[in-house]
Amino acid sequence: MPLILTLVARQKQNKYVILPRLVVKQKVTVQNVKRLVISHATRKNAIKHVIRSKCEFASNR
């Protein structure tokens, strides 16, 4: 299943880290989305995927 992004963005340095089920701290815009990073959190590690598609995720907020 793909992540449905009702997303929450937190700013980490120059990158935006997407954390499911947290509070939105940053605006997600079409321009930002290239920099967005989704993290699937596990107890030990976070696997990070760079989002390449622009408009799908930006339309959610």
PDB file of N, CA and C in Angstrom:
ATOM      1  N   MET A   1       0.832  -1.199   0.000  1.00  0.00           N
ATOM      2  CA  MET A   1       0.000   0.000   0.000  1.00  0.00           C
ATOM      3  C   MET A   1       0.869   1.252   0.000  1.00  0.00           C
ATOM      4  N   PRO A   2       0.569   2.198  -0.868  1.00  0.00           N
ATOM      5  CA  PRO A   2       1.296   3.469  -0.857  1.00  0.00           C
ATOM      6  C   PRO A   2       0.839   4.304   0.334  1.00  0.00           C
ATOM      7  N   LEU A   3       1.696   5.191   0.789  1.00  0.00           N
ATOM      8  CA  LEU A   3       1.289   6.056   1.887  1.00  0.00           C
ATOM      9  C   LEU A   3       0.312   7.094   1.375  1.00  0.00           C
ATOM     10  N   ILE A   4      -0.796   7.236   2.081  1.00  0.00           N
ATOM     11  CA  ILE A   4      -1.709   8.319   1.758  1.00  0.00           C
ATOM     12  C   ILE A   4      -1.251   9.503   2.589  1.00  0.00           C
ATOM     13  N   LEU A   5      -0.869  10.571   1.909  1.00  0.00           N
ATOM     14  CA  LEU A   5      -0.241  11.639   2.649  1.00  0.00           C
ATOM     15  C   LEU A   5      -1.247  12.699   3.044  1.00  0.00           C
ATOM     16  N   THR A   6      -1.661  12.586   4.293  1.00  0.00           N
ATOM     17  CA  THR A   6      -2.412  13.669   4.908  1.00  0.00           C
ATOM     18  C   THR A   6      -1.332  14.308   5.719  1.00  0.00           C
ATOM     19  N   LEU A   7      -0.337  14.810   5.069  1.00  0.00           N
ATOM     20  CA  LEU A   7       1.006  14.766   5.564  1.00  0.00           C
ATOM     21  C   LEU A   7       1.313  15.743   6.616  1.00  0.00           C
ATOM     22  N   VAL A   8       2.431  15.396   7.256  1.00  0.00           N
ATOM     23  CA  VAL A   8       2.952  16.284   8.248  1.00  0.00           C
ATOM     24  C   VAL A   8       4.379  16.531   7.896  1.00  0.00           C
ATOM     25  N   ALA A   9       4.729  17.783   7.803  1.00  0.00           N
ATOM     26  CA  ALA A   9       6.084  18.097   7.397  1.00  0.00           C
ATOM     27  C   ALA A   9       6.806  18.774   8.543  1.00  0.00           C
ATOM     28  N   ARG A  10       8.031  18.341   8.778  1.00  0.00           N
ATOM     29  CA  ARG A  10       8.846  19.003   9.769  1.00  0.00           C
ATOM     30  C   ARG A  10      10.122  19.421   9.098  1.00  0.00           C
ATOM     31  N   GLN A  11      10.622  20.581   9.417  1.00  0.00           N
ATOM     32  CA  GLN A  11      11.812  21.038   8.723  1.00  0.00           C
ATOM     33  C   GLN A  11      13.042  20.485   9.398  1.00  0.00           C
ATOM     34  N   LYS A  12      13.896  19.803   8.606  1.00  0.00           N
ATOM     35  CA  LYS A  12      15.155  19.329   9.130  1.00  0.00           C
ATOM     36  C   LYS A  12      16.211  19.924   8.242  1.00  0.00           C
ATOM     37  N   GLN A  13      16.944  20.890   8.748  1.00  0.00           N
ATOM     38  CA  GLN A  13      17.929  21.627   7.968  1.00  0.00           C
ATOM     39  C   GLN A  13      17.252  22.185   6.730  1.00  0.00           C
ATOM     40  N   ASN A  14      17.656  21.768   5.529  1.00  0.00           N
ATOM     41  CA  ASN A  14      17.001  22.276   4.331  1.00  0.00           C
ATOM     42  C   ASN A  14      15.978  21.306   3.785  1.00  0.00           C
ATOM     43  N   LYS A  15      15.820  20.156   4.440  1.00  0.00           N
ATOM     44  CA  LYS A  15      14.930  19.143   3.900  1.00  0.00           C
ATOM     45  C   LYS A  15      13.664  19.083   4.727  1.00  0.00           C
ATOM     46  N   TYR A  16      12.574  18.679   4.081  1.00  0.00           N
ATOM     47  CA  TYR A  16      11.333  18.509   4.801  1.00  0.00           C
ATOM     48  C   TYR A  16      11.112  17.024   5.016  1.00  0.00           C
ATOM     49  N   VAL A  17      10.976  16.626   6.262  1.00  0.00           N
ATOM     50  CA  VAL A  17      10.784  15.220   6.566  1.00  0.00           C
ATOM     51  C   VAL A  17       9.308  14.976   6.816  1.00  0.00           C
ATOM     52  N   ILE A  18       8.762  13.995   6.112  1.00  0.00           N
ATOM     53  CA  ILE A  18       7.348  13.705   6.264  1.00  0.00           C
ATOM     54  C   ILE A  18       7.173  12.657   7.346  1.00  0.00           C
ATOM     55  N   LEU A  19       6.455  13.010   8.381  1.00  0.00           N
ATOM     56  CA  LEU A  19       6.239  12.078   9.469  1.00  0.00           C
ATOM     57  C   LEU A  19       4.750  11.821   9.617  1.00  0.00           C
ATOM     58  N   PRO A  20       4.296  10.587   9.359  1.00  0.00           N
ATOM     59  CA  PRO A  20       2.882  10.261   9.459  1.00  0.00           C
ATOM     60  C   PRO A  20       2.371  10.496  10.880  1.00  0.00           C
ATOM     61  N   ARG A  21       1.166  11.001  11.002  1.00  0.00           N
ATOM     62  CA  ARG A  21       0.484  11.160  12.280  1.00  0.00           C
ATOM     63  C   ARG A  21       1.132  12.177  13.207  1.00  0.00           C
ATOM     64  N   LEU A  22       1.723  13.209  12.644  1.00  0.00           N
ATOM     65  CA  LEU A  22       2.202  14.290  13.493  1.00  0.00           C
ATOM     66  C   LEU A  22       1.558  15.586  13.041  1.00  0.00           C
ATOM     67  N   VAL A  23       2.004  16.690  13.609  1.00  0.00           N
ATOM     68  CA  VAL A  23       1.388  17.977  13.309  1.00  0.00           C
ATOM     69  C   VAL A  23       2.118  18.657  12.166  1.00  0.00           C
ATOM     70  N   VAL A  24       1.356  19.309  11.292  1.00  0.00           N
ATOM     71  CA  VAL A  24       1.966  19.989  10.157  1.00  0.00           C
ATOM     72  C   VAL A  24       2.648  21.261  10.626  1.00  0.00           C
ATOM     73  N   LYS A  25       3.953  21.319  10.416  1.00  0.00           N
ATOM     74  CA  LYS A  25       4.709  22.493  10.817  1.00  0.00           C
ATOM     75  C   LYS A  25       5.048  23.372   9.628  1.00  0.00           C
ATOM     76  N   GLN A  26       5.095  22.789   8.442  1.00  0.00           N
ATOM     77  CA  GLN A  26       5.514  23.527   7.255  1.00  0.00           C
ATOM     78  C   GLN A  26       4.461  23.399   6.172  1.00  0.00           C
ATOM     79  N   LYS A  27       4.421  24.378   5.286  1.00  0.00           N
ATOM     80  CA  LYS A  27       3.509  24.286   4.158  1.00  0.00           C
ATOM     81  C   LYS A  27       4.110  23.374   3.104  1.00  0.00           C
ATOM     82  N   VAL A  28       3.257  22.526   2.531  1.00  0.00           N
ATOM     83  CA  VAL A  28       3.716  21.675   1.444  1.00  0.00           C
ATOM     84  C   VAL A  28       3.261  22.314   0.146  1.00  0.00           C
ATOM     85  N   THR A  29       4.213  22.761  -0.645  1.00  0.00           N
ATOM     86  CA  THR A  29       3.873  23.382  -1.914  1.00  0.00           C
ATOM     87  C   THR A  29       4.500  22.586  -3.035  1.00  0.00           C
ATOM     88  N   VAL A  30       4.105  22.899  -4.247  1.00  0.00           N
ATOM     89  CA  VAL A  30       4.634  22.174  -5.398  1.00  0.00           C
ATOM     90  C   VAL A  30       6.144  22.353  -5.479  1.00  0.00           C
ATOM     91  N   GLN A  31       6.608  23.538  -5.120  1.00  0.00           N
ATOM     92  CA  GLN A  31       8.037  23.796  -5.184  1.00  0.00           C
ATOM     93  C   GLN A  31       8.793  23.032  -4.110  1.00  0.00           C
ATOM     94  N   ASN A  32       8.155  22.861  -2.965  1.00  0.00           N
ATOM     95  CA  ASN A  32       8.816  22.167  -1.867  1.00  0.00           C
ATOM     96  C   ASN A  32       8.987  20.682  -2.120  1.00  0.00           C
ATOM     97  N   VAL A  33       8.038  20.120  -2.864  1.00  0.00           N
ATOM     98  CA  VAL A  33       7.890  18.674  -2.908  1.00  0.00           C
ATOM     99  C   VAL A  33       9.134  17.958  -3.411  1.00  0.00           C
ATOM    100  N   LYS A  34       9.917  18.643  -4.233  1.00  0.00           N
ATOM    101  CA  LYS A  34      11.137  18.012  -4.703  1.00  0.00           C
ATOM    102  C   LYS A  34      12.058  17.690  -3.538  1.00  0.00           C
ATOM    103  N   ARG A  35      11.975  18.496  -2.486  1.00  0.00           N
ATOM    104  CA  ARG A  35      12.855  18.312  -1.347  1.00  0.00           C
ATOM    105  C   ARG A  35      12.264  17.418  -0.271  1.00  0.00           C
ATOM    106  N   LEU A  36      10.987  17.067  -0.437  1.00  0.00           N
ATOM    107  CA  LEU A  36      10.324  16.313   0.619  1.00  0.00           C
ATOM    108  C   LEU A  36      10.889  14.913   0.758  1.00  0.00           C
ATOM    109  N   VAL A  37      10.988  14.479   1.971  1.00  0.00           N
ATOM    110  CA  VAL A  37      11.495  13.137   2.232  1.00  0.00           C
ATOM    111  C   VAL A  37      10.474  12.401   3.082  1.00  0.00           C
ATOM    112  N   ILE A  38      10.053  11.231   2.625  1.00  0.00           N
ATOM    113  CA  ILE A  38       9.140  10.433   3.438  1.00  0.00           C
ATOM    114  C   ILE A  38       9.959   9.506   4.307  1.00  0.00           C
ATOM    115  N   SER A  39       9.648   9.460   5.568  1.00  0.00           N
ATOM    116  CA  SER A  39      10.321   8.484   6.395  1.00  0.00           C
ATOM    117  C   SER A  39       9.312   7.490   6.940  1.00  0.00           C
ATOM    118  N   HIS A  40       9.575   6.207   6.716  1.00  0.00           N
ATOM    119  CA  HIS A  40       8.793   5.157   7.334  1.00  0.00           C
ATOM    120  C   HIS A  40       9.534   4.830   8.619  1.00  0.00           C
ATOM    121  N   ALA A  41       8.905   5.066   9.752  1.00  0.00           N
ATOM    122  CA  ALA A  41       9.638   4.904  10.993  1.00  0.00           C
ATOM    123  C   ALA A  41       9.547   3.465  11.478  1.00  0.00           C
ATOM    124  N   THR A  42      10.708   2.904  11.757  1.00  0.00           N
ATOM    125  CA  THR A  42      10.758   1.627  12.451  1.00  0.00           C
ATOM    126  C   THR A  42      11.413   1.910  13.782  1.00  0.00           C
ATOM    127  N   ARG A  43      11.468   0.939  14.670  1.00  0.00           N
ATOM    128  CA  ARG A  43      12.049   1.220  15.970  1.00  0.00           C
ATOM    129  C   ARG A  43      13.518   1.569  15.861  1.00  0.00           C
ATOM    130  N   LYS A  44      14.215   0.899  14.955  1.00  0.00           N
ATOM    131  CA  LYS A  44      15.656   1.119  14.874  1.00  0.00           C
ATOM    132  C   LYS A  44      16.037   2.161  13.844  1.00  0.00           C
ATOM    133  N   ASN A  45      15.450   2.079  12.670  1.00  0.00           N
ATOM    134  CA  ASN A  45      15.887   2.958  11.581  1.00  0.00           C
ATOM    135  C   ASN A  45      14.718   3.614  10.881  1.00  0.00           C
ATOM    136  N   ALA A  46      14.999   4.730  10.198  1.00  0.00           N
ATOM    137  CA  ALA A  46      13.994   5.347   9.345  1.00  0.00           C
ATOM    138  C   ALA A  46      14.465   5.201   7.917  1.00  0.00           C
ATOM    139  N   ILE A  47      13.622   4.590   7.079  1.00  0.00           N
ATOM    140  CA  ILE A  47      13.981   4.433   5.680  1.00  0.00           C
ATOM    141  C   ILE A  47      13.453   5.646   4.947  1.00  0.00           C
ATOM    142  N   LYS A  48      14.325   6.348   4.244  1.00  0.00           N
ATOM    143  CA  LYS A  48      13.903   7.603   3.635  1.00  0.00           C
ATOM    144  C   LYS A  48      13.811   7.480   2.132  1.00  0.00           C
ATOM    145  N   HIS A  49      12.703   7.962   1.586  1.00  0.00           N
ATOM    146  CA  HIS A  49      12.492   7.914   0.152  1.00  0.00           C
ATOM    147  C   HIS A  49      12.282   9.325  -0.363  1.00  0.00           C
ATOM    148  N   VAL A  50      12.955   9.652  -1.428  1.00  0.00           N
ATOM    149  CA  VAL A  50      12.783  10.973  -2.009  1.00  0.00           C
ATOM    150  C   VAL A  50      11.552  10.957  -2.902  1.00  0.00           C
ATOM    151  N   ILE A  51      10.699  11.931  -2.698  1.00  0.00           N
ATOM    152  CA  ILE A  51       9.487  12.007  -3.507  1.00  0.00           C
ATOM    153  C   ILE A  51       9.799  12.718  -4.802  1.00  0.00           C
ATOM    154  N   ARG A  52       9.504  12.081  -5.911  1.00  0.00           N
ATOM    155  CA  ARG A  52       9.784  12.716  -7.187  1.00  0.00           C
ATOM    156  C   ARG A  52       8.550  13.332  -7.816  1.00  0.00           C
ATOM    157  N   SER A  53       7.383  12.807  -7.481  1.00  0.00           N
ATOM    158  CA  SER A  53       6.200  13.363  -8.134  1.00  0.00           C
ATOM    159  C   SER A  53       5.765  14.618  -7.402  1.00  0.00           C
ATOM    160  N   LYS A  54       5.398  15.634  -8.146  1.00  0.00           N
ATOM    161  CA  LYS A  54       5.140  16.935  -7.550  1.00  0.00           C
ATOM    162  C   LYS A  54       3.712  17.068  -7.046  1.00  0.00           C
ATOM    163  N   CYS A  55       2.773  17.014  -7.970  1.00  0.00           N
ATOM    164  CA  CYS A  55       1.437  17.520  -7.689  1.00  0.00           C
ATOM    165  C   CYS A  55       0.600  16.598  -6.820  1.00  0.00           C
ATOM    166  N   GLU A  56       0.852  15.287  -6.843  1.00  0.00           N
ATOM    167  CA  GLU A  56       0.015  14.369  -6.089  1.00  0.00           C
ATOM    168  C   GLU A  56       0.027  14.721  -4.615  1.00  0.00           C
ATOM    169  N   PHE A  57       1.233  14.911  -4.082  1.00  0.00           N
ATOM    170  CA  PHE A  57       1.361  15.095  -2.654  1.00  0.00           C
ATOM    171  C   PHE A  57       1.089  16.537  -2.272  1.00  0.00           C
ATOM    172  N   ALA A  58       1.386  17.449  -3.183  1.00  0.00           N
ATOM    173  CA  ALA A  58       1.219  18.867  -2.874  1.00  0.00           C
ATOM    174  C   ALA A  58      -0.255  19.226  -2.781  1.00  0.00           C
ATOM    175  N   SER A  59      -1.105  18.464  -3.475  1.00  0.00           N
ATOM    176  CA  SER A  59      -2.520  18.794  -3.487  1.00  0.00           C
ATOM    177  C   SER A  59      -3.175  18.456  -2.153  1.00  0.00           C
ATOM    178  N   ASN A  60      -2.549  17.570  -1.370  1.00  0.00           N
ATOM    179  CA  ASN A  60      -3.155  17.176  -0.107  1.00  0.00           C
ATOM    180  C   ASN A  60      -3.082  18.264   0.952  1.00  0.00           C
ATOM    181  N   ARG A  61      -2.026  19.120   0.864  1.00  0.00           N
ATOM    182  CA  ARG A  61      -2.025  20.319   1.699  1.00  0.00           C
ATOM    183  C   ARG A  61      -0.959  21.246   1.245  1.00  0.00           C
TER     184      ARG A  61
END
